[in-house]
Amino acid sequence: DQSLSHLRSLDAGGGQQIPTLEEVCTEIAGKACLN
């Protein structure tokens, strides 16, 4: 029920935002497999 911009502005813990799947994949960058 929320806009993307609102969701990305939230604190998901420790000052971090809700990440995109693309950002997670960039971080993993071949170091692990993903479920």
All heavy atoms as atom14 arrays in JSON, in Angstrom:
{
  "sequence": "DQSLSHLRSLDAGGGQQIPTLEEVCTEIAGKACLN",
  "atom14_mask": [
    [1, 1, 1, 1, 1, 1, 1, 1, 0, 0, 0, 0, 0, 0],
    [1, 1, 1, 1, 1, 1, 1, 1, 1, 0, 0, 0, 0, 0],
    [1, 1, 1, 1, 1, 1, 0, 0, 0, 0, 0, 0, 0, 0],
    [1, 1, 1, 1, 1, 1, 1, 1, 0, 0, 0, 0, 0, 0],
    [1, 1, 1, 1, 1, 1, 0, 0, 0, 0, 0, 0, 0, 0],
    [1, 1, 1, 1, 1, 1, 1, 1, 1, 1, 0, 0, 0, 0],
    [1, 1, 1, 1, 1, 1, 1, 1, 0, 0, 0, 0, 0, 0],
    [1, 1, 1, 1, 1, 1, 1, 1, 1, 1, 1, 0, 0, 0],
    [1, 1, 1, 1, 1, 1, 0, 0, 0, 0, 0, 0, 0, 0],
    [1, 1, 1, 1, 1, 1, 1, 1, 0, 0, 0, 0, 0, 0],
    [1, 1, 1, 1, 1, 1, 1, 1, 0, 0, 0, 0, 0, 0],
    [1, 1, 1, 1, 1, 0, 0, 0, 0, 0, 0, 0, 0, 0],
    [1, 1, 1, 1, 0, 0, 0, 0, 0, 0, 0, 0, 0, 0],
    [1, 1, 1, 1, 0, 0, 0, 0, 0, 0, 0, 0, 0, 0],
    [1, 1, 1, 1, 0, 0, 0, 0, 0, 0, 0, 0, 0, 0],
    [1, 1, 1, 1, 1, 1, 1, 1, 1, 0, 0, 0, 0, 0],
    [1, 1, 1, 1, 1, 1, 1, 1, 1, 0, 0, 0, 0, 0],
    [1, 1, 1, 1, 1, 1, 1, 1, 0, 0, 0, 0, 0, 0],
    [1, 1, 1, 1, 1, 1, 1, 0, 0, 0, 0, 0, 0, 0],
    [1, 1, 1, 1, 1, 1, 1, 0, 0, 0, 0, 0, 0, 0],
    [1, 1, 1, 1, 1, 1, 1, 1, 0, 0, 0, 0, 0, 0],
    [1, 1, 1, 1, 1, 1, 1, 1, 1, 0, 0, 0, 0, 0],
    [1, 1, 1, 1, 1, 1, 1, 1, 1, 0, 0, 0, 0, 0],
    [1, 1, 1, 1, 1, 1, 1, 0, 0, 0, 0, 0, 0, 0],
    [1, 1, 1, 1, 1, 1, 0, 0, 0, 0, 0, 0, 0, 0],
    [1, 1, 1, 1, 1, 1, 1, 0, 0, 0, 0, 0, 0, 0],
    [1, 1, 1, 1, 1, 1, 1, 1, 1, 0, 0, 0, 0, 0],
    [1, 1, 1, 1, 1, 1, 1, 1, 0, 0, 0, 0, 0, 0],
    [1, 1, 1, 1, 1, 0, 0, 0, 0, 0, 0, 0, 0, 0],
    [1, 1, 1, 1, 0, 0, 0, 0, 0, 0, 0, 0, 0, 0],
    [1, 1, 1, 1, 1, 1, 1, 1, 1, 0, 0, 0, 0, 0],
    [1, 1, 1, 1, 1, 0, 0, 0, 0, 0, 0, 0, 0, 0],
    [1, 1, 1, 1, 1, 1, 0, 0, 0, 0, 0, 0, 0, 0],
    [1, 1, 1, 1, 1, 1, 1, 1, 0, 0, 0, 0, 0, 0],
    [1, 1, 1, 1, 1, 1, 1, 1, 0, 0, 0, 0, 0, 0]
  ],
  "atom14_positions": [
    [[0.82, -1.22, 0.0], [0.0, 0.0, 0.0], [0.85, 1.26, 0.0], [0.3, 2.37, 0.05], [-0.93, 0.01, 1.22], [-1.97, -1.09, 1.19], [-2.24, -1.63, 0.1], [-2.49, -1.43, 2.27], [0.0, 0.0, 0.0], [0.0, 0.0, 0.0], [0.0, 0.0, 0.0], [0.0, 0.0, 0.0], [0.0, 0.0, 0.0], [0.0, 0.0, 0.0]],
    [[2.17, 1.13, -0.05], [3.07, 2.28, 0.07], [3.71, 2.59, -1.29], [3.86, 1.71, -2.13], [4.19, 1.97, 1.07], [3.72, 1.4, 2.39], [2.79, 2.31, 3.15], [3.02, 3.52, 3.23], [1.74, 1.75, 3.72], [0.0, 0.0, 0.0], [0.0, 0.0, 0.0], [0.0, 0.0, 0.0], [0.0, 0.0, 0.0], [0.0, 0.0, 0.0]],
    [[4.14, 3.83, -1.44], [4.88, 4.2, -2.65], [6.33, 3.73, -2.52], [6.86, 3.57, -1.41], [4.85, 5.71, -2.86], [5.64, 6.36, -1.88], [0.0, 0.0, 0.0], [0.0, 0.0, 0.0], [0.0, 0.0, 0.0], [0.0, 0.0, 0.0], [0.0, 0.0, 0.0], [0.0, 0.0, 0.0], [0.0, 0.0, 0.0], [0.0, 0.0, 0.0]],
    [[6.96, 3.53, -3.65], [8.36, 3.14, -3.67], [9.22, 4.18, -2.97], [10.08, 3.83, -2.16], [8.83, 2.93, -5.11], [10.28, 2.56, -5.31], [10.62, 1.23, -4.61], [10.62, 2.49, -6.79], [0.0, 0.0, 0.0], [0.0, 0.0, 0.0], [0.0, 0.0, 0.0], [0.0, 0.0, 0.0], [0.0, 0.0, 0.0], [0.0, 0.0, 0.0]],
    [[8.98, 5.44, -3.23], [9.81, 6.49, -2.61], [9.64, 6.49, -1.08], [10.62, 6.67, -0.36], [9.5, 7.86, -3.2], [8.16, 8.22, -2.95], [0.0, 0.0, 0.0], [0.0, 0.0, 0.0], [0.0, 0.0, 0.0], [0.0, 0.0, 0.0], [0.0, 0.0, 0.0], [0.0, 0.0, 0.0], [0.0, 0.0, 0.0], [0.0, 0.0, 0.0]],
    [[8.42, 6.26, -0.6], [8.21, 6.2, 0.85], [8.95, 5.0, 1.43], [9.64, 5.14, 2.46], [6.72, 6.13, 1.18], [6.45, 5.93, 2.64], [6.74, 6.9, 3.59], [5.96, 4.87, 3.32], [6.42, 6.44, 4.78], [5.94, 5.21, 4.65], [0.0, 0.0, 0.0], [0.0, 0.0, 0.0], [0.0, 0.0, 0.0], [0.0, 0.0, 0.0]],
    [[8.82, 3.85, 0.81], [9.49, 2.64, 1.32], [11.0, 2.82, 1.37], [11.65, 2.42, 2.33], [9.11, 1.43, 0.47], [7.66, 0.98, 0.58], [7.34, -0.05, -0.49], [7.37, 0.43, 1.97], [0.0, 0.0, 0.0], [0.0, 0.0, 0.0], [0.0, 0.0, 0.0], [0.0, 0.0, 0.0], [0.0, 0.0, 0.0], [0.0, 0.0, 0.0]],
    [[11.56, 3.45, 0.36], [13.01, 3.65, 0.31], [13.47, 4.71, 1.32], [14.65, 4.78, 1.64], [13.44, 4.02, -1.09], [13.25, 2.91, -2.12], [14.28, 1.83, -2.01], [15.48, 2.33, -2.65], [16.64, 1.71, -2.65], [16.78, 0.56, -2.04], [17.67, 2.23, -3.24], [0.0, 0.0, 0.0], [0.0, 0.0, 0.0], [0.0, 0.0, 0.0]],
    [[12.54, 5.51, 1.85], [12.91, 6.52, 2.84], [12.9, 5.96, 4.27], [13.41, 6.62, 5.18], [11.96, 7.71, 2.76], [10.68, 7.38, 3.32], [0.0, 0.0, 0.0], [0.0, 0.0, 0.0], [0.0, 0.0, 0.0], [0.0, 0.0, 0.0], [0.0, 0.0, 0.0], [0.0, 0.0, 0.0], [0.0, 0.0, 0.0], [0.0, 0.0, 0.0]],
    [[12.36, 4.77, 4.47], [12.23, 4.21, 5.81], [13.56, 3.7, 6.35], [14.45, 3.31, 5.58], [11.22, 3.06, 5.8], [9.78, 3.42, 5.44], [8.93, 2.15, 5.37], [9.21, 4.41, 6.44], [0.0, 0.0, 0.0], [0.0, 0.0, 0.0], [0.0, 0.0, 0.0], [0.0, 0.0, 0.0], [0.0, 0.0, 0.0], [0.0, 0.0, 0.0]],
    [[13.67, 3.66, 7.65], [14.81, 3.06, 8.33], [14.49, 1.59, 8.56], [13.56, 1.25, 9.3], [15.06, 3.77, 9.66], [16.31, 3.27, 10.38], [16.74, 2.12, 10.14], [16.85, 4.02, 11.19], [0.0, 0.0, 0.0], [0.0, 0.0, 0.0], [0.0, 0.0, 0.0], [0.0, 0.0, 0.0], [0.0, 0.0, 0.0], [0.0, 0.0, 0.0]],
    [[15.26, 0.71, 7.92], [15.05, -0.74, 8.04], [15.95, -1.33, 9.13], [16.12, -2.55, 9.21], [15.3, -1.42, 6.7], [0.0, 0.0, 0.0], [0.0, 0.0, 0.0], [0.0, 0.0, 0.0], [0.0, 0.0, 0.0], [0.0, 0.0, 0.0], [0.0, 0.0, 0.0], [0.0, 0.0, 0.0], [0.0, 0.0, 0.0], [0.0, 0.0, 0.0]],
    [[16.53, -0.47, 9.96], [17.4, -0.91, 11.05], [18.79, -0.35, 10.9], [19.38, -0.44, 9.82], [0.0, 0.0, 0.0], [0.0, 0.0, 0.0], [0.0, 0.0, 0.0], [0.0, 0.0, 0.0], [0.0, 0.0, 0.0], [0.0, 0.0, 0.0], [0.0, 0.0, 0.0], [0.0, 0.0, 0.0], [0.0, 0.0, 0.0], [0.0, 0.0, 0.0]],
    [[19.3, 0.26, 11.93], [20.65, 0.8, 11.9], [20.87, 1.88, 10.86], [21.98, 2.06, 10.36], [0.0, 0.0, 0.0], [0.0, 0.0, 0.0], [0.0, 0.0, 0.0], [0.0, 0.0, 0.0], [0.0, 0.0, 0.0], [0.0, 0.0, 0.0], [0.0, 0.0, 0.0], [0.0, 0.0, 0.0], [0.0, 0.0, 0.0], [0.0, 0.0, 0.0]],
    [[19.79, 2.6, 10.49], [19.92, 3.66, 9.5], [19.95, 3.17, 8.06], [20.17, 3.96, 7.15], [0.0, 0.0, 0.0], [0.0, 0.0, 0.0], [0.0, 0.0, 0.0], [0.0, 0.0, 0.0], [0.0, 0.0, 0.0], [0.0, 0.0, 0.0], [0.0, 0.0, 0.0], [0.0, 0.0, 0.0], [0.0, 0.0, 0.0], [0.0, 0.0, 0.0]],
    [[19.73, 1.9, 7.86], [19.75, 1.34, 6.5], [18.36, 1.41, 5.87], [17.36, 1.33, 6.56], [20.19, -0.12, 6.55], [21.6, -0.29, 7.06], [21.97, -1.74, 7.08], [22.29, -2.31, 6.04], [21.9, -2.35, 8.24], [0.0, 0.0, 0.0], [0.0, 0.0, 0.0], [0.0, 0.0, 0.0], [0.0, 0.0, 0.0], [0.0, 0.0, 0.0]],
    [[18.33, 1.51, 4.55], [17.06, 1.52, 3.84], [16.73, 0.11, 3.35], [17.59, -0.77, 3.34], [17.08, 2.52, 2.68], [18.0, 2.16, 1.56], [18.01, 3.22, 0.46], [18.85, 3.16, -0.39], [17.11, 4.17, 0.45], [0.0, 0.0, 0.0], [0.0, 0.0, 0.0], [0.0, 0.0, 0.0], [0.0, 0.0, 0.0], [0.0, 0.0, 0.0]],
    [[15.49, -0.07, 2.96], [15.08, -1.33, 2.34], [15.82, -1.41, 1.01], [15.68, -0.53, 0.16], [13.56, -1.37, 2.11], [12.82, -1.28, 3.44], [13.18, -2.64, 1.35], [11.3, -1.08, 3.31], [0.0, 0.0, 0.0], [0.0, 0.0, 0.0], [0.0, 0.0, 0.0], [0.0, 0.0, 0.0], [0.0, 0.0, 0.0], [0.0, 0.0, 0.0]],
    [[16.63, -2.46, 0.8], [17.41, -2.53, -0.44], [16.6, -3.08, -1.6], [15.58, -3.75, -1.41], [18.55, -3.49, -0.08], [17.95, -4.39, 0.95], [16.98, -3.54, 1.73], [0.0, 0.0, 0.0], [0.0, 0.0, 0.0], [0.0, 0.0, 0.0], [0.0, 0.0, 0.0], [0.0, 0.0, 0.0], [0.0, 0.0, 0.0], [0.0, 0.0, 0.0]],
    [[17.07, -2.81, -2.8], [16.52, -3.44, -3.98], [17.23, -4.77, -4.2], [18.35, -4.99, -3.7], [16.7, -2.57, -5.23], [18.1, -2.48, -5.54], [16.1, -1.18, -5.04], [0.0, 0.0, 0.0], [0.0, 0.0, 0.0], [0.0, 0.0, 0.0], [0.0, 0.0, 0.0], [0.0, 0.0, 0.0], [0.0, 0.0, 0.0], [0.0, 0.0, 0.0]],
    [[16.6, -5.65, -4.95], [17.24, -6.92, -5.28], [18.5, -6.68, -6.09], [19.51, -7.36, -5.9], [16.27, -7.83, -6.03], [16.8, -9.2, -6.43], [17.34, -9.99, -5.23], [15.72, -10.0, -7.16], [0.0, 0.0, 0.0], [0.0, 0.0, 0.0], [0.0, 0.0, 0.0], [0.0, 0.0, 0.0], [0.0, 0.0, 0.0], [0.0, 0.0, 0.0]],
    [[18.48, -5.7, -6.96], [19.67, -5.35, -7.75], [20.83, -4.95, -6.84], [21.97, -5.37, -7.05], [19.34, -4.21, -8.71], [20.51, -3.74, -9.53], [20.72, -4.5, -10.82], [19.74, -4.91, -11.43], [21.9, -4.68, -11.19], [0.0, 0.0, 0.0], [0.0, 0.0, 0.0], [0.0, 0.0, 0.0], [0.0, 0.0, 0.0], [0.0, 0.0, 0.0]],
    [[20.56, -4.16, -5.81], [21.61, -3.76, -4.86], [22.18, -4.97, -4.13], [23.41, -5.06, -3.94], [21.06, -2.75, -3.86], [20.77, -1.39, -4.45], [19.97, -0.49, -3.53], [19.29, -0.98, -2.6], [20.04, 0.74, -3.75], [0.0, 0.0, 0.0], [0.0, 0.0, 0.0], [0.0, 0.0, 0.0], [0.0, 0.0, 0.0], [0.0, 0.0, 0.0]],
    [[21.32, -5.89, -3.72], [21.79, -7.1, -3.04], [22.66, -7.92, -3.98], [23.73, -8.39, -3.59], [20.59, -7.93, -2.51], [21.02, -9.34, -2.11], [19.93, -7.22, -1.34], [0.0, 0.0, 0.0], [0.0, 0.0, 0.0], [0.0, 0.0, 0.0], [0.0, 0.0, 0.0], [0.0, 0.0, 0.0], [0.0, 0.0, 0.0], [0.0, 0.0, 0.0]],
    [[22.24, -8.07, -5.23], [23.03, -8.85, -6.2], [24.36, -8.18, -6.49], [25.37, -8.86, -6.64], [22.22, -9.06, -7.48], [20.81, -10.16, -7.24], [0.0, 0.0, 0.0], [0.0, 0.0, 0.0], [0.0, 0.0, 0.0], [0.0, 0.0, 0.0], [0.0, 0.0, 0.0], [0.0, 0.0, 0.0], [0.0, 0.0, 0.0], [0.0, 0.0, 0.0]],
    [[24.39, -6.86, -6.53], [25.65, -6.14, -6.71], [26.58, -6.41, -5.54], [27.79, -6.61, -5.72], [25.39, -4.63, -6.88], [24.59, -4.43, -8.05], [26.68, -3.85, -6.98], [0.0, 0.0, 0.0], [0.0, 0.0, 0.0], [0.0, 0.0, 0.0], [0.0, 0.0, 0.0], [0.0, 0.0, 0.0], [0.0, 0.0, 0.0], [0.0, 0.0, 0.0]],
    [[26.04, -6.44, -4.34], [26.85, -6.71, -3.15], [27.38, -8.14, -3.17], [28.54, -8.38, -2.82], [26.01, -6.48, -1.88], [26.79, -6.55, -0.61], [27.86, -5.48, -0.51], [27.59, -4.31, -0.85], [28.98, -5.81, -0.07], [0.0, 0.0, 0.0], [0.0, 0.0, 0.0], [0.0, 0.0, 0.0], [0.0, 0.0, 0.0], [0.0, 0.0, 0.0]],
    [[26.56, -9.08, -3.57], [26.98, -10.49, -3.61], [28.03, -10.71, -4.69], [29.04, -11.38, -4.45], [25.76, -11.42, -3.82], [24.86, -11.37, -2.59], [26.22, -12.84, -4.12], [23.53, -12.08, -2.78], [0.0, 0.0, 0.0], [0.0, 0.0, 0.0], [0.0, 0.0, 0.0], [0.0, 0.0, 0.0], [0.0, 0.0, 0.0], [0.0, 0.0, 0.0]],
    [[27.79, -10.17, -5.87], [28.75, -10.18, -6.99], [29.54, -11.48, -7.12], [30.76, -11.47, -7.13], [29.69, -8.98, -6.87], [0.0, 0.0, 0.0], [0.0, 0.0, 0.0], [0.0, 0.0, 0.0], [0.0, 0.0, 0.0], [0.0, 0.0, 0.0], [0.0, 0.0, 0.0], [0.0, 0.0, 0.0], [0.0, 0.0, 0.0], [0.0, 0.0, 0.0]],
    [[28.84, -12.6, -7.18], [29.5, -13.88, -7.41], [30.1, -14.52, -6.17], [30.71, -15.59, -6.27], [0.0, 0.0, 0.0], [0.0, 0.0, 0.0], [0.0, 0.0, 0.0], [0.0, 0.0, 0.0], [0.0, 0.0, 0.0], [0.0, 0.0, 0.0], [0.0, 0.0, 0.0], [0.0, 0.0, 0.0], [0.0, 0.0, 0.0], [0.0, 0.0, 0.0]],
    [[29.95, -13.93, -5.0], [30.54, -14.48, -3.77], [29.65, -15.53, -3.12], [30.09, -16.23, -2.22], [30.8, -13.35, -2.76], [31.78, -12.31, -3.25], [31.89, -11.19, -2.23], [32.2, -9.9, -2.96], [31.51, -8.77, -2.44], [0.0, 0.0, 0.0], [0.0, 0.0, 0.0], [0.0, 0.0, 0.0], [0.0, 0.0, 0.0], [0.0, 0.0, 0.0]],
    [[28.39, -15.6, -3.55], [27.45, -16.55, -2.93], [26.32, -16.83, -3.91], [26.1, -16.08, -4.86], [26.89, -15.98, -1.63], [0.0, 0.0, 0.0], [0.0, 0.0, 0.0], [0.0, 0.0, 0.0], [0.0, 0.0, 0.0], [0.0, 0.0, 0.0], [0.0, 0.0, 0.0], [0.0, 0.0, 0.0], [0.0, 0.0, 0.0], [0.0, 0.0, 0.0]],
    [[25.61, -17.9, -3.64], [24.4, -18.23, -4.39], [23.21, -17.59, -3.67], [23.3, -17.25, -2.49], [24.22, -19.74, -4.48], [25.5, -20.52, -5.49], [0.0, 0.0, 0.0], [0.0, 0.0, 0.0], [0.0, 0.0, 0.0], [0.0, 0.0, 0.0], [0.0, 0.0, 0.0], [0.0, 0.0, 0.0], [0.0, 0.0, 0.0], [0.0, 0.0, 0.0]],
    [[22.1, -17.46, -4.37], [20.98, -16.7, -3.85], [19.67, -17.46, -3.97], [19.31, -17.91, -5.05], [20.89, -15.37, -4.62], [19.95, -14.31, -4.1], [20.26, -13.93, -2.66], [20.03, -13.08, -5.0], [0.0, 0.0, 0.0], [0.0, 0.0, 0.0], [0.0, 0.0, 0.0], [0.0, 0.0, 0.0], [0.0, 0.0, 0.0], [0.0, 0.0, 0.0]],
    [[18.98, -17.6, -2.84], [17.62, -18.13, -2.81], [16.7, -16.92, -2.68], [16.71, -16.23, -1.67], [17.44, -19.08, -1.62], [16.0, -19.55, -1.44], [15.12, -19.22, -2.22], [15.76, -20.29, -0.38], [0.0, 0.0, 0.0], [0.0, 0.0, 0.0], [0.0, 0.0, 0.0], [0.0, 0.0, 0.0], [0.0, 0.0, 0.0], [0.0, 0.0, 0.0]]
  ]
}
